[in-house]
């Protein structure tokens, strides 16, 4: 993980298999104005996605790869905690996946960070 100024993402798991939860924590330290925090997930060389299951301890069922959280929904919190999972099963070996967080102000990205994870084929 390479932290950029203003926001960072940390993934607890480094490797998972299909159906296993990924637990992530986003820390916001950006001092400027912003509208939205966006979390994107991508499984490389695949059209499969992660589904977001919880956000800050509240159960959600968000079946899309991109989750946007408006600043007014953060309630002055500096941390976001999320859980996501995928049903993607690699046909062989492992596939790389990434979670990218970005802070957006008026449709312009002002800070971002990326966290990586491997999805392993079942054995």
Protein backbone atom coordinates (compact mmCIF):
# COMPACT_ATOMS: atom_id res chain seq x y z
CA UNK A 1 0.00 0.00 0.00
CA UNK A 2 1.33 3.37 -1.00
CA UNK A 3 -0.37 6.10 0.99
CA UNK A 4 -1.06 9.42 -0.62
CA UNK A 5 -1.68 12.58 1.32
CA UNK A 6 -5.29 12.92 2.40
CA UNK A 7 -6.60 9.36 2.31
CA UNK A 8 -5.35 5.81 2.85
CA UNK A 9 -6.81 2.32 2.53
CA UNK A 10 -5.76 -0.76 4.49
CA UNK A 11 -7.01 -4.28 3.69
CA UNK A 12 -6.78 -6.78 6.53
CA UNK A 13 -6.63 -9.83 4.25
CA UNK A 14 -3.87 -10.21 1.69
CA UNK A 15 -5.28 -13.39 0.08
CA UNK A 16 -8.82 -14.76 -0.11
CA UNK A 17 -10.85 -17.44 -1.88
CA UNK A 18 -14.26 -16.90 -3.47
CA UNK A 19 -16.93 -16.00 -0.92
CA UNK A 20 -14.46 -14.99 1.80
CA UNK A 21 -14.94 -11.50 3.25
CA UNK A 22 -12.45 -8.69 2.70
CA UNK A 23 -12.24 -6.19 5.57
CA UNK A 24 -11.04 -2.72 4.74
CA UNK A 25 -10.41 0.52 6.62
CA UNK A 26 -10.20 3.93 5.00
CA UNK A 27 -8.62 6.80 6.91
CA UNK A 28 -9.45 10.32 5.76
CA UNK A 29 -6.99 13.05 6.66
CA UNK A 30 -7.75 15.42 3.79
CA UNK A 31 -8.00 18.97 5.15
CA UNK A 32 -9.63 20.61 2.12
CA UNK A 33 -13.21 20.66 0.94
CA UNK A 34 -14.67 17.58 -0.69
CA UNK A 35 -18.04 16.19 -1.72
CA UNK A 36 -17.63 12.44 -1.88
CA UNK A 37 -15.48 9.46 -0.94
CA UNK A 38 -15.56 6.77 -3.63
CA UNK A 39 -14.45 3.15 -3.19
CA UNK A 40 -13.84 1.14 -6.39
CA UNK A 41 -13.07 -2.55 -6.59
CA UNK A 42 -11.64 -4.36 -9.59
CA UNK A 43 -10.57 -7.92 -10.27
CA UNK A 44 -7.89 -7.69 -12.93
CA UNK A 45 -8.44 -9.47 -16.27
CA UNK A 46 -12.02 -10.20 -15.28
CA UNK A 47 -15.45 -8.62 -15.43
CA UNK A 48 -16.27 -10.01 -11.96
CA UNK A 49 -16.76 -7.61 -9.05
CA UNK A 50 -16.85 -7.37 -5.28
CA UNK A 51 -20.17 -6.70 -3.54
CA UNK A 52 -20.11 -4.37 -0.54
CA UNK A 53 -21.75 -6.03 2.49
CA UNK A 54 -21.24 -3.53 5.33
CA UNK A 55 -20.20 0.05 5.93
CA UNK A 56 -19.28 1.37 9.38
CA UNK A 57 -20.95 -1.56 11.10
CA UNK A 58 -24.24 -1.27 9.19
CA UNK A 59 -25.28 -4.08 6.91
CA UNK A 60 -25.71 -3.04 3.29
CA UNK A 61 -26.35 -5.00 0.13
CA UNK A 62 -24.56 -3.02 -2.55
CA UNK A 63 -23.99 -5.25 -5.59
CA UNK A 64 -21.84 -2.81 -7.58
CA UNK A 65 -18.09 -2.33 -7.87
CA UNK A 66 -18.22 1.42 -7.09
CA UNK A 67 -19.53 2.72 -3.76
CA UNK A 68 -19.94 6.49 -3.30
CA UNK A 69 -20.37 8.05 0.14
CA UNK A 70 -21.37 11.70 0.37
CA UNK A 71 -19.48 13.81 2.88
CA UNK A 72 -22.66 14.60 4.83
CA UNK A 73 -23.17 10.84 5.34
CA UNK A 74 -19.76 10.59 7.06
CA UNK A 75 -21.02 12.52 10.10
CA UNK A 76 -17.53 13.97 10.73
CA UNK A 77 -15.97 10.49 10.89
CA UNK A 78 -12.35 10.19 9.85
CA UNK A 79 -12.55 6.40 9.29
CA UNK A 80 -14.71 4.21 7.11
CA UNK A 81 -14.79 0.47 7.74
CA UNK A 82 -16.21 -1.82 5.08
CA UNK A 83 -16.68 -5.49 4.25
CA UNK A 84 -16.88 -6.83 0.71
CA UNK A 85 -16.93 -10.25 -0.95
CA UNK A 86 -16.83 -11.77 -4.42
CA UNK A 87 -18.10 -15.04 -5.83
CA UNK A 88 -15.37 -14.99 -8.51
CA UNK A 89 -13.40 -18.24 -8.70
CA UNK A 90 -10.11 -17.98 -10.59
CA UNK A 91 -9.85 -20.68 -13.25
CA UNK A 92 -6.25 -21.30 -12.18
CA UNK A 93 -3.62 -19.93 -9.81
CA UNK A 94 -4.57 -16.53 -8.48
CA UNK A 95 -5.91 -13.23 -9.74
CA UNK A 96 -4.97 -9.81 -8.44
CA UNK A 97 -7.68 -7.47 -7.23
CA UNK A 98 -7.55 -3.92 -6.00
CA UNK A 99 -9.60 -1.53 -3.94
CA UNK A 100 -9.10 2.13 -4.78
CA UNK A 101 -10.37 4.98 -2.65
CA UNK A 102 -10.65 8.53 -3.94
CA UNK A 103 -11.76 11.84 -2.48
CA UNK A 104 -13.73 13.92 -4.97
CA UNK A 105 -14.46 17.66 -4.96
CA UNK A 106 -16.74 19.01 -7.69
CA UNK A 107 -16.09 16.06 -10.04
CA UNK A 108 -12.31 16.34 -9.59
CA UNK A 109 -10.25 13.74 -7.73
CA UNK A 110 -8.15 15.44 -5.05
CA UNK A 111 -6.62 12.44 -3.21
CA UNK A 112 -6.50 8.66 -3.67
CA UNK A 113 -4.92 5.41 -2.52
CA UNK A 114 -4.94 1.76 -3.65
CA UNK A 115 -4.89 -1.53 -1.72
CA UNK A 116 -4.17 -4.91 -3.33
CA UNK A 117 -5.33 -8.44 -2.60
CA UNK A 118 -5.03 -11.86 -4.28
CA UNK A 119 -7.96 -14.16 -5.03
CA UNK A 120 -6.82 -17.77 -4.92
CA UNK A 121 -8.26 -20.68 -6.88
CA UNK A 122 -9.90 -23.27 -4.64
CA UNK A 123 -7.89 -26.42 -4.17
